Amino acid sequence: MTVSDTQPGLTRPRLIEDRIVASLRERGVPVEYVLAPDEDHGVENEENRLRSYRAVERHLAEHLGERRGATSEGDAA
């Protein structure tokens, strides 16, 4: 499972996500928790957005199969 969030402060959405991640990990579910400490509860920065998309793509590739039609090694990452 991939969970994306931003600022490492304890905002309400972050507290809820921390609990979800902790619960999943306690049950042995592998979780990649993607944080962007330079943003609030949203992903505005393009670099952070791409990092989040790559994490989602890795998750889908792992659970649904490799991406088809990747044009370069960087696209498939």
PDB file of N, CA and C in Angstrom:
ATOM      1  N   MET A   1       0.845  -1.173   0.000  1.00  0.00           N
ATOM      2  CA  MET A   1       0.000   0.000   0.000  1.00  0.00           C
ATOM      3  C   MET A   1       0.884   1.228   0.000  1.00  0.00           C
ATOM      4  N   THR A   2       0.494   2.247  -0.730  1.00  0.00           N
ATOM      5  CA  THR A   2       1.224   3.501  -0.764  1.00  0.00           C
ATOM      6  C   THR A   2       0.351   4.575  -0.146  1.00  0.00           C
ATOM      7  N   VAL A   3       0.898   5.300   0.811  1.00  0.00           N
ATOM      8  CA  VAL A   3       0.183   6.387   1.456  1.00  0.00           C
ATOM      9  C   VAL A   3       1.004   7.648   1.249  1.00  0.00           C
ATOM     10  N   SER A   4       0.384   8.691   0.718  1.00  0.00           N
ATOM     11  CA  SER A   4       1.085   9.951   0.516  1.00  0.00           C
ATOM     12  C   SER A   4       0.540  11.006   1.457  1.00  0.00           C
ATOM     13  N   ASP A   5       1.424  11.783   2.008  1.00  0.00           N
ATOM     14  CA  ASP A   5       1.043  12.933   2.817  1.00  0.00           C
ATOM     15  C   ASP A   5       2.169  13.931   2.739  1.00  0.00           C
ATOM     16  N   THR A   6       2.019  14.996   3.471  1.00  0.00           N
ATOM     17  CA  THR A   6       3.008  16.052   3.391  1.00  0.00           C
ATOM     18  C   THR A   6       3.550  16.381   4.771  1.00  0.00           C
ATOM     19  N   GLN A   7       3.458  17.585   5.192  1.00  0.00           N
ATOM     20  CA  GLN A   7       4.120  18.137   6.363  1.00  0.00           C
ATOM     21  C   GLN A   7       4.188  17.178   7.545  1.00  0.00           C
ATOM     22  N   PRO A   8       5.389  17.048   8.160  1.00  0.00           N
ATOM     23  CA  PRO A   8       5.536  16.126   9.275  1.00  0.00           C
ATOM     24  C   PRO A   8       4.963  16.647  10.584  1.00  0.00           C
ATOM     25  N   GLY A   9       4.322  17.815  10.601  1.00  0.00           N
ATOM     26  CA  GLY A   9       3.637  18.297  11.802  1.00  0.00           C
ATOM     27  C   GLY A   9       2.424  17.428  12.067  1.00  0.00           C
ATOM     28  N   LEU A  10       1.886  17.515  13.258  1.00  0.00           N
ATOM     29  CA  LEU A  10       0.784  16.633  13.613  1.00  0.00           C
ATOM     30  C   LEU A  10      -0.560  17.282  13.302  1.00  0.00           C
ATOM     31  N   THR A  11      -0.841  17.488  12.022  1.00  0.00           N
ATOM     32  CA  THR A  11      -2.143  17.986  11.602  1.00  0.00           C
ATOM     33  C   THR A  11      -3.139  16.842  11.704  1.00  0.00           C
ATOM     34  N   ARG A  12      -4.414  17.155  11.772  1.00  0.00           N
ATOM     35  CA  ARG A  12      -5.435  16.105  11.908  1.00  0.00           C
ATOM     36  C   ARG A  12      -5.338  15.057  10.804  1.00  0.00           C
ATOM     37  N   PRO A  13      -5.265  15.450   9.506  1.00  0.00           N
ATOM     38  CA  PRO A  13      -5.137  14.411   8.473  1.00  0.00           C
ATOM     39  C   PRO A  13      -3.885  13.555   8.678  1.00  0.00           C
ATOM     40  N   ARG A  14      -2.811  14.172   9.098  1.00  0.00           N
ATOM     41  CA  ARG A  14      -1.575  13.427   9.313  1.00  0.00           C
ATOM     42  C   ARG A  14      -1.720  12.440  10.458  1.00  0.00           C
ATOM     43  N   LEU A  15      -2.379  12.842  11.538  1.00  0.00           N
ATOM     44  CA  LEU A  15      -2.598  11.924  12.661  1.00  0.00           C
ATOM     45  C   LEU A  15      -3.385  10.699  12.215  1.00  0.00           C
ATOM     46  N   ILE A  16      -4.420  10.928  11.424  1.00  0.00           N
ATOM     47  CA  ILE A  16      -5.241   9.818  10.920  1.00  0.00           C
ATOM     48  C   ILE A  16      -4.393   8.908  10.032  1.00  0.00           C
ATOM     49  N   GLU A  17      -3.607   9.500   9.139  1.00  0.00           N
ATOM     50  CA  GLU A  17      -2.768   8.689   8.250  1.00  0.00           C
ATOM     51  C   GLU A  17      -1.717   7.919   9.033  1.00  0.00           C
ATOM     52  N   ASP A  18      -1.119   8.544  10.050  1.00  0.00           N
ATOM     53  CA  ASP A  18      -0.149   7.840  10.892  1.00  0.00           C
ATOM     54  C   ASP A  18      -0.786   6.611  11.534  1.00  0.00           C
ATOM     55  N   ARG A  19      -2.015   6.757  11.997  1.00  0.00           N
ATOM     56  CA  ARG A  19      -2.721   5.621  12.623  1.00  0.00           C
ATOM     57  C   ARG A  19      -3.015   4.522  11.607  1.00  0.00           C
ATOM     58  N   ILE A  20      -3.413   4.916  10.407  1.00  0.00           N
ATOM     59  CA  ILE A  20      -3.692   3.928   9.359  1.00  0.00           C
ATOM     60  C   ILE A  20      -2.418   3.154   9.034  1.00  0.00           C
ATOM     61  N   VAL A  21      -1.315   3.878   8.846  1.00  0.00           N
ATOM     62  CA  VAL A  21      -0.038   3.233   8.519  1.00  0.00           C
ATOM     63  C   VAL A  21       0.388   2.304   9.648  1.00  0.00           C
ATOM     64  N   ALA A  22       0.285   2.769  10.894  1.00  0.00           N
ATOM     65  CA  ALA A  22       0.673   1.938  12.041  1.00  0.00           C
ATOM     66  C   ALA A  22      -0.168   0.670  12.098  1.00  0.00           C
ATOM     67  N   SER A  23      -1.457   0.798  11.870  1.00  0.00           N
ATOM     68  CA  SER A  23      -2.349  -0.365  11.906  1.00  0.00           C
ATOM     69  C   SER A  23      -2.006  -1.362  10.807  1.00  0.00           C
ATOM     70  N   LEU A  24      -1.762  -0.866   9.612  1.00  0.00           N
ATOM     71  CA  LEU A  24      -1.404  -1.753   8.503  1.00  0.00           C
ATOM     72  C   LEU A  24      -0.089  -2.475   8.789  1.00  0.00           C
ATOM     73  N   ARG A  25       0.888  -1.740   9.276  1.00  0.00           N
ATOM     74  CA  ARG A  25       2.195  -2.349   9.577  1.00  0.00           C
ATOM     75  C   ARG A  25       2.087  -3.384  10.686  1.00  0.00           C
ATOM     76  N   GLU A  26       1.253  -3.111  11.696  1.00  0.00           N
ATOM     77  CA  GLU A  26       1.041  -4.079  12.779  1.00  0.00           C
ATOM     78  C   GLU A  26       0.486  -5.395  12.232  1.00  0.00           C
ATOM     79  N   ARG A  27      -0.283  -5.315  11.173  1.00  0.00           N
ATOM     80  CA  ARG A  27      -0.864  -6.516  10.558  1.00  0.00           C
ATOM     81  C   ARG A  27       0.021  -7.118   9.480  1.00  0.00           C
ATOM     82  N   GLY A  28       1.223  -6.543   9.320  1.00  0.00           N
ATOM     83  CA  GLY A  28       2.178  -7.094   8.364  1.00  0.00           C
ATOM     84  C   GLY A  28       1.982  -6.654   6.934  1.00  0.00           C
ATOM     85  N   VAL A  29       1.174  -5.615   6.724  1.00  0.00           N
ATOM     86  CA  VAL A  29       0.953  -5.096   5.375  1.00  0.00           C
ATOM     87  C   VAL A  29       2.098  -4.144   5.045  1.00  0.00           C
ATOM     88  N   PRO A  30       2.832  -4.405   3.956  1.00  0.00           N
ATOM     89  CA  PRO A  30       3.920  -3.489   3.597  1.00  0.00           C
ATOM     90  C   PRO A  30       3.363  -2.135   3.158  1.00  0.00           C
ATOM     91  N   VAL A  31       3.902  -1.074   3.746  1.00  0.00           N
ATOM     92  CA  VAL A  31       3.428   0.282   3.461  1.00  0.00           C
ATOM     93  C   VAL A  31       4.613   1.171   3.115  1.00  0.00           C
ATOM     94  N   GLU A  32       4.521   1.882   2.014  1.00  0.00           N
ATOM     95  CA  GLU A  32       5.478   2.932   1.702  1.00  0.00           C
ATOM     96  C   GLU A  32       4.769   4.244   2.023  1.00  0.00           C
ATOM     97  N   TYR A  33       5.248   4.950   3.020  1.00  0.00           N
ATOM     98  CA  TYR A  33       4.615   6.192   3.488  1.00  0.00           C
ATOM     99  C   TYR A  33       5.430   7.348   2.924  1.00  0.00           C
ATOM    100  N   VAL A  34       4.898   8.044   1.948  1.00  0.00           N
ATOM    101  CA  VAL A  34       5.613   9.113   1.249  1.00  0.00           C
ATOM    102  C   VAL A  34       5.263  10.448   1.896  1.00  0.00           C
ATOM    103  N   LEU A  35       6.277  11.133   2.425  1.00  0.00           N
ATOM    104  CA  LEU A  35       6.070  12.426   3.059  1.00  0.00           C
ATOM    105  C   LEU A  35       6.832  13.508   2.307  1.00  0.00           C
ATOM    106  N   ALA A  36       6.249  14.686   2.231  1.00  0.00           N
ATOM    107  CA  ALA A  36       6.914  15.850   1.644  1.00  0.00           C
ATOM    108  C   ALA A  36       6.944  16.928   2.727  1.00  0.00           C
ATOM    109  N   PRO A  37       8.014  16.989   3.496  1.00  0.00           N
ATOM    110  CA  PRO A  37       8.055  17.885   4.652  1.00  0.00           C
ATOM    111  C   PRO A  37       7.989  19.374   4.314  1.00  0.00           C
ATOM    112  N   ASP A  38       8.168  19.731   3.065  1.00  0.00           N
ATOM    113  CA  ASP A  38       8.122  21.140   2.693  1.00  0.00           C
ATOM    114  C   ASP A  38       6.748  21.596   2.214  1.00  0.00           C
ATOM    115  N   GLU A  39       5.701  20.770   2.447  1.00  0.00           N
ATOM    116  CA  GLU A  39       4.360  21.140   2.002  1.00  0.00           C
ATOM    117  C   GLU A  39       3.335  20.890   3.092  1.00  0.00           C
ATOM    118  N   ASP A  40       2.171  21.519   2.947  1.00  0.00           N
ATOM    119  CA  ASP A  40       1.050  21.263   3.838  1.00  0.00           C
ATOM    120  C   ASP A  40       0.315  20.028   3.343  1.00  0.00           C
ATOM    121  N   HIS A  41      -0.972  19.913   3.667  1.00  0.00           N
ATOM    122  CA  HIS A  41      -1.728  18.728   3.267  1.00  0.00           C
ATOM    123  C   HIS A  41      -2.177  18.848   1.812  1.00  0.00           C
ATOM    124  N   GLY A  42      -1.242  18.684   0.945  1.00  0.00           N
ATOM    125  CA  GLY A  42      -1.452  18.761  -0.489  1.00  0.00           C
ATOM    126  C   GLY A  42      -0.091  18.680  -1.140  1.00  0.00           C
ATOM    127  N   VAL A  43      -0.059  18.395  -2.408  1.00  0.00           N
ATOM    128  CA  VAL A  43       1.232  18.267  -3.083  1.00  0.00           C
ATOM    129  C   VAL A  43       1.247  19.251  -4.247  1.00  0.00           C
ATOM    130  N   GLU A  44       1.805  20.422  -3.990  1.00  0.00           N
ATOM    131  CA  GLU A  44       1.870  21.478  -4.993  1.00  0.00           C
ATOM    132  C   GLU A  44       3.188  21.458  -5.754  1.00  0.00           C
ATOM    133  N   ASN A  45       4.271  21.160  -5.059  1.00  0.00           N
ATOM    134  CA  ASN A  45       5.603  21.162  -5.651  1.00  0.00           C
ATOM    135  C   ASN A  45       5.714  20.041  -6.681  1.00  0.00           C
ATOM    136  N   GLU A  46       6.128  20.384  -7.887  1.00  0.00           N
ATOM    137  CA  GLU A  46       6.175  19.396  -8.969  1.00  0.00           C
ATOM    138  C   GLU A  46       7.084  18.212  -8.632  1.00  0.00           C
ATOM    139  N   GLU A  47       8.231  18.470  -8.034  1.00  0.00           N
ATOM    140  CA  GLU A  47       9.148  17.382  -7.674  1.00  0.00           C
ATOM    141  C   GLU A  47       8.499  16.418  -6.675  1.00  0.00           C
ATOM    142  N   ASN A  48       7.788  16.964  -5.695  1.00  0.00           N
ATOM    143  CA  ASN A  48       7.089  16.118  -4.722  1.00  0.00           C
ATOM    144  C   ASN A  48       5.964  15.333  -5.384  1.00  0.00           C
ATOM    145  N   ARG A  49       5.262  15.992  -6.292  1.00  0.00           N
ATOM    146  CA  ARG A  49       4.159  15.326  -7.002  1.00  0.00           C
ATOM    147  C   ARG A  49       4.684  14.159  -7.829  1.00  0.00           C
ATOM    148  N   LEU A  50       5.803  14.378  -8.534  1.00  0.00           N
ATOM    149  CA  LEU A  50       6.394  13.294  -9.332  1.00  0.00           C
ATOM    150  C   LEU A  50       6.871  12.147  -8.442  1.00  0.00           C
ATOM    151  N   ARG A  51       7.466  12.487  -7.292  1.00  0.00           N
ATOM    152  CA  ARG A  51       7.907  11.461  -6.350  1.00  0.00           C
ATOM    153  C   ARG A  51       6.715  10.624  -5.869  1.00  0.00           C
ATOM    154  N   SER A  52       5.607  11.290  -5.613  1.00  0.00           N
ATOM    155  CA  SER A  52       4.396  10.588  -5.181  1.00  0.00           C
ATOM    156  C   SER A  52       3.852   9.696  -6.300  1.00  0.00           C
ATOM    157  N   TYR A  53       3.808  10.219  -7.523  1.00  0.00           N
ATOM    158  CA  TYR A  53       3.336   9.426  -8.664  1.00  0.00           C
ATOM    159  C   TYR A  53       4.212   8.192  -8.884  1.00  0.00           C
ATOM    160  N   ARG A  54       5.523   8.364  -8.725  1.00  0.00           N
ATOM    161  CA  ARG A  54       6.434   7.218  -8.895  1.00  0.00           C
ATOM    162  C   ARG A  54       6.172   6.147  -7.844  1.00  0.00           C
ATOM    163  N   ALA A  55       5.882   6.572  -6.623  1.00  0.00           N
ATOM    164  CA  ALA A  55       5.572   5.613  -5.561  1.00  0.00           C
ATOM    165  C   ALA A  55       4.291   4.843  -5.893  1.00  0.00           C
ATOM    166  N   VAL A  56       3.293   5.543  -6.390  1.00  0.00           N
ATOM    167  CA  VAL A  56       2.044   4.885  -6.781  1.00  0.00           C
ATOM    168  C   VAL A  56       2.299   3.916  -7.932  1.00  0.00           C
ATOM    169  N   GLU A  57       3.101   4.352  -8.900  1.00  0.00           N
ATOM    170  CA  GLU A  57       3.416   3.495 -10.047  1.00  0.00           C
ATOM    171  C   GLU A  57       4.159   2.232  -9.600  1.00  0.00           C
ATOM    172  N   ARG A  58       5.121   2.371  -8.667  1.00  0.00           N
ATOM    173  CA  ARG A  58       5.828   1.190  -8.142  1.00  0.00           C
ATOM    174  C   ARG A  58       4.848   0.227  -7.484  1.00  0.00           C
ATOM    175  N   HIS A  59       3.927   0.780  -6.707  1.00  0.00           N
ATOM    176  CA  HIS A  59       2.925  -0.052  -6.033  1.00  0.00           C
ATOM    177  C   HIS A  59       2.073  -0.812  -7.048  1.00  0.00           C
ATOM    178  N   LEU A  60       1.599  -0.107  -8.058  1.00  0.00           N
ATOM    179  CA  LEU A  60       0.763  -0.755  -9.077  1.00  0.00           C
ATOM    180  C   LEU A  60       1.557  -1.802  -9.856  1.00  0.00           C
ATOM    181  N   ALA A  61       2.812  -1.494 -10.187  1.00  0.00           N
ATOM    182  CA  ALA A  61       3.642  -2.452 -10.918  1.00  0.00           C
ATOM    183  C   ALA A  61       3.857  -3.712 -10.084  1.00  0.00           C
ATOM    184  N   GLU A  62       4.081  -3.529  -8.787  1.00  0.00           N
ATOM    185  CA  GLU A  62       4.312  -4.679  -7.914  1.00  0.00           C
ATOM    186  C   GLU A  62       3.066  -5.555  -7.796  1.00  0.00           C
ATOM    187  N   HIS A  63       1.905  -4.934  -7.734  1.00  0.00           N
ATOM    188  CA  HIS A  63       0.682  -5.691  -7.474  1.00  0.00           C
ATOM    189  C   HIS A  63      -0.137  -6.018  -8.719  1.00  0.00           C
ATOM    190  N   LEU A  64       0.083  -5.277  -9.810  1.00  0.00           N
ATOM    191  CA  LEU A  64      -0.689  -5.515 -11.028  1.00  0.00           C
ATOM    192  C   LEU A  64       0.170  -5.914 -12.217  1.00  0.00           C
ATOM    193  N   GLY A  65       1.483  -5.779 -12.098  1.00  0.00           N
ATOM    194  CA  GLY A  65       2.379  -6.104 -13.196  1.00  0.00           C
ATOM    195  C   GLY A  65       3.082  -4.869 -13.704  1.00  0.00           C
ATOM    196  N   GLU A  66       4.150  -5.092 -14.427  1.00  0.00           N
ATOM    197  CA  GLU A  66       4.963  -3.996 -14.943  1.00  0.00           C
ATOM    198  C   GLU A  66       4.187  -3.114 -15.899  1.00  0.00           C
ATOM    199  N   ARG A  67       4.602  -1.871 -15.968  1.00  0.00           N
ATOM    200  CA  ARG A  67       4.000  -0.901 -16.868  1.00  0.00           C
ATOM    201  C   ARG A  67       4.329  -1.267 -18.307  1.00  0.00           C
ATOM    202  N   ARG A  68       3.376  -1.168 -19.174  1.00  0.00           N
ATOM    203  CA  ARG A  68       3.608  -1.440 -20.594  1.00  0.00           C
ATOM    204  C   ARG A  68       3.868  -0.135 -21.326  1.00  0.00           C
ATOM    205  N   GLY A  69       4.738  -0.198 -22.308  1.00  0.00           N
ATOM    206  CA  GLY A  69       4.996   0.958 -23.131  1.00  0.00           C
ATOM    207  C   GLY A  69       5.921   1.987 -22.517  1.00  0.00           C
ATOM    208  N   ALA A  70       6.677   1.611 -21.488  1.00  0.00           N
ATOM    209  CA  ALA A  70       7.627   2.558 -20.909  1.00  0.00           C
ATOM    210  C   ALA A  70       8.680   2.891 -21.970  1.00  0.00           C
ATOM    211  N   THR A  71       8.975   4.179 -22.104  1.00  0.00           N
ATOM    212  CA  THR A  71       9.904   4.607 -23.165  1.00  0.00           C
ATOM    213  C   THR A  71      11.338   4.620 -22.705  1.00  0.00           C
ATOM    214  N   SER A  72      11.573   4.645 -21.403  1.00  0.00           N
ATOM    215  CA  SER A  72      12.941   4.628 -20.912  1.00  0.00           C
ATOM    216  C   SER A  72      12.960   4.009 -19.523  1.00  0.00           C
ATOM    217  N   GLU A  73      14.149   3.710 -19.042  1.00  0.00           N
ATOM    218  CA  GLU A  73      14.261   3.136 -17.708  1.00  0.00           C
ATOM    219  C   GLU A  73      13.700   4.091 -16.663  1.00  0.00           C
ATOM    220  N   GLY A  74      13.880   5.390 -16.852  1.00  0.00           N
ATOM    221  CA  GLY A  74      13.345   6.385 -15.936  1.00  0.00           C
ATOM    222  C   GLY A  74      11.832   6.382 -15.892  1.00  0.00           C
ATOM    223  N   ASP A  75      11.178   6.089 -17.029  1.00  0.00           N
ATOM    224  CA  ASP A  75       9.730   6.035 -17.057  1.00  0.00           C
ATOM    225  C   ASP A  75       9.189   4.858 -16.274  1.00  0.00           C
ATOM    226  N   ALA A  76       9.920   3.777 -16.247  1.00  0.00           N
ATOM    227  CA  ALA A  76       9.434   2.576 -15.583  1.00  0.00           C
ATOM    228  C   ALA A  76       9.752   2.579 -14.096  1.00  0.00           C
ATOM    229  N   ALA A  77      10.524   3.539 -13.621  1.00  0.00           N
ATOM    230  CA  ALA A  77      10.939   3.569 -12.206  1.00  0.00           C
ATOM    231  C   ALA A  77       9.835   3.958 -11.288  1.00  0.00           C
TER     232      ALA A  77
END
